Every structure is written in C-alpha cells, then in structure tokens.
N, C-alpha and C. Protein backbone atom coordinates (compact mmCIF):
# COMPACT_ATOMS: atom_id res chain seq x y z
N UNK A 1 -0.32 -25.79 -21.43
CA UNK A 1 0.57 -26.53 -20.56
C UNK A 1 0.73 -27.93 -21.14
N UNK A 2 1.95 -28.36 -21.15
CA UNK A 2 2.25 -29.68 -21.71
C UNK A 2 2.01 -30.76 -20.67
N UNK A 3 1.86 -31.94 -21.17
CA UNK A 3 1.64 -33.10 -20.30
C UNK A 3 2.81 -33.31 -19.35
N UNK A 4 4.00 -33.06 -19.81
CA UNK A 4 5.19 -33.23 -18.97
C UNK A 4 5.15 -32.26 -17.80
N UNK A 5 4.76 -31.03 -18.06
CA UNK A 5 4.67 -30.04 -16.99
C UNK A 5 3.60 -30.43 -15.97
N UNK A 6 2.49 -30.95 -16.46
CA UNK A 6 1.43 -31.40 -15.56
C UNK A 6 1.93 -32.56 -14.70
N UNK A 7 2.65 -33.47 -15.33
CA UNK A 7 3.19 -34.61 -14.61
C UNK A 7 4.16 -34.16 -13.54
N UNK A 8 5.01 -33.21 -13.83
CA UNK A 8 5.95 -32.68 -12.84
C UNK A 8 5.18 -32.04 -11.69
N UNK A 9 4.13 -31.31 -12.00
CA UNK A 9 3.30 -30.68 -10.96
C UNK A 9 2.62 -31.71 -10.08
N UNK A 10 2.09 -32.75 -10.71
CA UNK A 10 1.42 -33.81 -9.94
C UNK A 10 2.44 -34.55 -9.08
N UNK A 11 3.62 -34.81 -9.61
CA UNK A 11 4.66 -35.48 -8.82
C UNK A 11 5.07 -34.62 -7.63
N UNK A 12 5.17 -33.33 -7.86
CA UNK A 12 5.52 -32.41 -6.77
C UNK A 12 4.44 -32.41 -5.70
N UNK A 13 3.18 -32.34 -6.14
CA UNK A 13 2.07 -32.40 -5.18
C UNK A 13 2.06 -33.72 -4.42
N UNK A 14 2.37 -34.80 -5.14
CA UNK A 14 2.42 -36.12 -4.52
C UNK A 14 3.52 -36.17 -3.45
N UNK A 15 4.68 -35.64 -3.76
CA UNK A 15 5.80 -35.63 -2.80
C UNK A 15 5.45 -34.77 -1.59
N UNK A 16 4.78 -33.64 -1.83
CA UNK A 16 4.35 -32.78 -0.71
C UNK A 16 3.36 -33.53 0.19
N UNK A 17 2.40 -34.20 -0.44
CA UNK A 17 1.41 -34.95 0.32
C UNK A 17 2.08 -36.09 1.08
N UNK A 18 3.05 -36.74 0.43
CA UNK A 18 3.77 -37.84 1.07
C UNK A 18 4.55 -37.33 2.28
N UNK A 19 5.17 -36.18 2.15
CA UNK A 19 5.92 -35.57 3.26
C UNK A 19 4.98 -35.22 4.40
N UNK A 20 3.84 -34.63 4.06
CA UNK A 20 2.86 -34.27 5.09
C UNK A 20 2.33 -35.52 5.80
N UNK A 21 2.09 -36.57 5.04
CA UNK A 21 1.60 -37.81 5.62
C UNK A 21 2.63 -38.40 6.58
N UNK A 22 3.89 -38.36 6.19
CA UNK A 22 4.96 -38.85 7.06
C UNK A 22 5.03 -38.03 8.34
N UNK A 23 4.92 -36.72 8.20
CA UNK A 23 4.94 -35.83 9.36
C UNK A 23 3.76 -36.13 10.28
N UNK A 24 2.58 -36.26 9.70
CA UNK A 24 1.40 -36.56 10.50
C UNK A 24 1.51 -37.92 11.18
N UNK A 25 2.08 -38.89 10.48
CA UNK A 25 2.27 -40.21 11.07
C UNK A 25 3.22 -40.14 12.26
N UNK A 26 4.29 -39.37 12.12
CA UNK A 26 5.23 -39.19 13.23
C UNK A 26 4.56 -38.51 14.41
N UNK A 27 3.75 -37.49 14.13
CA UNK A 27 3.02 -36.80 15.20
C UNK A 27 2.04 -37.75 15.89
N UNK A 28 1.39 -38.59 15.11
CA UNK A 28 0.46 -39.57 15.66
C UNK A 28 1.19 -40.53 16.60
N UNK A 29 2.36 -40.99 16.20
CA UNK A 29 3.13 -41.90 17.05
C UNK A 29 3.51 -41.23 18.36
N UNK A 30 3.88 -39.95 18.29
CA UNK A 30 4.22 -39.21 19.51
C UNK A 30 2.99 -39.09 20.41
N UNK A 31 1.86 -38.76 19.81
CA UNK A 31 0.61 -38.63 20.58
C UNK A 31 0.22 -39.97 21.21
N UNK A 32 0.38 -41.05 20.48
CA UNK A 32 0.05 -42.37 21.02
C UNK A 32 0.97 -42.72 22.19
N UNK A 33 2.23 -42.35 22.08
CA UNK A 33 3.17 -42.57 23.18
C UNK A 33 2.75 -41.74 24.40
N UNK A 34 2.32 -40.50 24.16
CA UNK A 34 1.84 -39.65 25.25
C UNK A 34 0.61 -40.27 25.91
N UNK A 35 -0.30 -40.77 25.10
CA UNK A 35 -1.51 -41.40 25.63
C UNK A 35 -1.14 -42.61 26.48
N UNK A 36 -0.23 -43.43 26.00
CA UNK A 36 0.21 -44.60 26.78
C UNK A 36 0.84 -44.19 28.10
N UNK A 37 1.64 -43.14 28.06
CA UNK A 37 2.28 -42.63 29.28
C UNK A 37 1.22 -42.11 30.26
N UNK A 38 0.24 -41.38 29.74
CA UNK A 38 -0.82 -40.84 30.60
C UNK A 38 -1.70 -41.96 31.18
N UNK A 39 -1.96 -43.00 30.39
CA UNK A 39 -2.74 -44.13 30.90
C UNK A 39 -1.99 -44.81 32.04
N UNK A 40 -0.69 -44.96 31.87
CA UNK A 40 0.11 -45.57 32.92
C UNK A 40 0.07 -44.71 34.19
N UNK A 41 0.15 -43.40 34.01
CA UNK A 41 0.09 -42.49 35.16
C UNK A 41 -1.27 -42.56 35.85
N UNK A 42 -2.33 -42.68 35.06
CA UNK A 42 -3.67 -42.82 35.64
C UNK A 42 -3.74 -44.09 36.50
N UNK A 43 -3.18 -45.17 36.00
CA UNK A 43 -3.18 -46.42 36.76
C UNK A 43 -2.40 -46.27 38.07
N UNK A 44 -1.28 -45.58 38.01
CA UNK A 44 -0.49 -45.34 39.22
C UNK A 44 -1.30 -44.49 40.19
N UNK A 45 -1.96 -43.46 39.67
CA UNK A 45 -2.76 -42.58 40.53
C UNK A 45 -3.93 -43.33 41.16
N UNK A 46 -4.54 -44.24 40.41
CA UNK A 46 -5.63 -45.04 40.96
C UNK A 46 -5.12 -45.92 42.09
N UNK A 47 -3.94 -46.48 41.91
CA UNK A 47 -3.35 -47.31 42.96
C UNK A 47 -3.09 -46.48 44.21
N UNK A 48 -2.53 -45.29 44.04
CA UNK A 48 -2.29 -44.40 45.18
C UNK A 48 -3.60 -44.01 45.85
N UNK A 49 -4.62 -43.76 45.06
CA UNK A 49 -5.92 -43.39 45.61
C UNK A 49 -6.49 -44.52 46.47
N UNK A 50 -6.38 -45.75 45.97
CA UNK A 50 -6.86 -46.89 46.76
C UNK A 50 -6.06 -47.03 48.06
N UNK A 51 -4.75 -46.84 47.97
CA UNK A 51 -3.91 -46.92 49.17
C UNK A 51 -4.30 -45.83 50.17
N UNK A 52 -4.55 -44.64 49.67
CA UNK A 52 -4.96 -43.54 50.56
C UNK A 52 -6.31 -43.84 51.21
N UNK A 53 -7.23 -44.39 50.44
CA UNK A 53 -8.53 -44.76 51.01
C UNK A 53 -8.36 -45.80 52.10
N UNK A 54 -7.52 -46.79 51.85
CA UNK A 54 -7.26 -47.83 52.86
C UNK A 54 -6.64 -47.22 54.11
N UNK A 55 -5.68 -46.33 53.92
CA UNK A 55 -5.04 -45.68 55.07
C UNK A 55 -6.03 -44.80 55.83
N UNK A 56 -6.89 -44.10 55.08
CA UNK A 56 -7.90 -43.24 55.71
C UNK A 56 -8.86 -44.08 56.55
N UNK A 57 -9.29 -45.22 56.02
CA UNK A 57 -10.18 -46.11 56.77
C UNK A 57 -9.50 -46.64 58.02
N UNK A 58 -8.22 -47.00 57.89
CA UNK A 58 -7.47 -47.48 59.04
C UNK A 58 -7.33 -46.40 60.10
N UNK A 59 -7.08 -45.18 59.67
CA UNK A 59 -6.95 -44.06 60.60
C UNK A 59 -8.28 -43.78 61.30
N UNK A 60 -9.37 -43.84 60.56
CA UNK A 60 -10.68 -43.63 61.18
C UNK A 60 -10.97 -44.70 62.23
N UNK A 61 -10.60 -45.93 61.93
CA UNK A 61 -10.81 -47.02 62.90
C UNK A 61 -9.97 -46.77 64.15
N UNK A 62 -8.73 -46.34 63.97
CA UNK A 62 -7.86 -46.06 65.12
C UNK A 62 -8.39 -44.88 65.93
N UNK A 63 -8.90 -43.86 65.24
CA UNK A 63 -9.47 -42.70 65.95
C UNK A 63 -10.70 -43.12 66.75
N UNK A 64 -11.52 -43.99 66.18
CA UNK A 64 -12.69 -44.49 66.89
C UNK A 64 -12.27 -45.30 68.11
N UNK A 65 -11.25 -46.12 67.94
CA UNK A 65 -10.74 -46.92 69.05
C UNK A 65 -10.18 -46.01 70.15
N UNK A 66 -9.46 -44.99 69.76
CA UNK A 66 -8.90 -44.04 70.72
C UNK A 66 -10.02 -43.32 71.47
N UNK A 67 -11.06 -42.93 70.75
CA UNK A 67 -12.20 -42.26 71.39
C UNK A 67 -12.88 -43.19 72.40
N UNK A 68 -12.97 -44.46 72.04
CA UNK A 68 -13.56 -45.44 72.96
C UNK A 68 -12.73 -45.55 74.23
N UNK A 69 -11.42 -45.61 74.08
CA UNK A 69 -10.54 -45.70 75.25
C UNK A 69 -10.64 -44.44 76.12
N UNK A 70 -10.72 -43.28 75.47
CA UNK A 70 -10.84 -42.02 76.23
C UNK A 70 -12.15 -42.02 77.02
N UNK A 71 -13.21 -42.48 76.39
CA UNK A 71 -14.50 -42.52 77.06
C UNK A 71 -14.46 -43.44 78.27
N UNK A 72 -13.77 -44.54 78.16
CA UNK A 72 -13.64 -45.48 79.27
C UNK A 72 -12.76 -44.92 80.39
N UNK A 73 -11.76 -44.12 80.02
CA UNK A 73 -10.82 -43.61 81.01
C UNK A 73 -11.37 -42.40 81.78
N UNK A 74 -12.25 -41.63 81.20
CA UNK A 74 -12.75 -40.43 81.87
C UNK A 74 -13.36 -40.71 83.23
N UNK A 75 -14.27 -41.67 83.36
CA UNK A 75 -14.82 -41.94 84.70
C UNK A 75 -13.75 -42.41 85.68
N UNK A 76 -12.80 -43.17 85.20
CA UNK A 76 -11.73 -43.66 86.08
C UNK A 76 -10.85 -42.50 86.54
N UNK A 77 -10.54 -41.59 85.65
CA UNK A 77 -9.73 -40.44 86.03
C UNK A 77 -10.47 -39.56 87.03
N UNK A 78 -11.77 -39.37 86.81
CA UNK A 78 -12.56 -38.58 87.74
C UNK A 78 -12.60 -39.24 89.12
N UNK A 79 -12.73 -40.55 89.15
CA UNK A 79 -12.75 -41.30 90.40
C UNK A 79 -11.42 -41.16 91.11
N UNK A 80 -10.32 -41.27 90.38
CA UNK A 80 -9.00 -41.14 91.00
C UNK A 80 -8.78 -39.75 91.54
N UNK A 81 -9.26 -38.74 90.86
CA UNK A 81 -9.11 -37.36 91.36
C UNK A 81 -9.92 -37.16 92.64
N UNK A 82 -11.07 -37.76 92.67
CA UNK A 82 -11.91 -37.59 93.87
C UNK A 82 -11.32 -38.33 95.07
N UNK A 83 -10.61 -39.39 94.82
CA UNK A 83 -9.99 -40.15 95.90
C UNK A 83 -8.78 -39.39 96.46
N UNK A 84 -8.04 -38.77 95.57
CA UNK A 84 -6.81 -38.05 96.00
C UNK A 84 -7.21 -36.73 96.55
C-alpha cells in the first residue's frame, strides 16, 4: 500500500470521526435542552406542591374550625328541641 492510499484512508477515517463528533455534539445539545426543560418543570411542580400544601393546611384549619362550631351548636340545638 502506498503512502498516498494510507493518507486517503486516514483522511476518510478523520472525516467519519468528525461527522460522528458533530452528530454527538448535536445530540448533546438536544439532551441539554431537554434537561433544562425538565429542571424548569421540576421547579414548577415544586411550586405547585408548596401551594397544595398551603391549601391543605388552610383546609385542615377550616375543618377544625367547623368542627369546633358544630360541637358548640350541638348542645344548643338539643336545648332548643327540648324547649319546643
């Protein structure tokens, strides 16, 4: 094999490797964009989770308050029924 043929082979291998590297680089950029998108979605989900926790705590407080009012009203309702 002549030196020229070897050089052509090496150049061809180099171009193939360069093409593969470009393809891999493009794939990496796509993956990085996906990761950024997913990180943003995680942040949104965390915000929603905090809001849900806050709403759940508020609802529990209201349920407790309602239970307190019901407990206070039961003796009064019983008294009113006995009077009527």
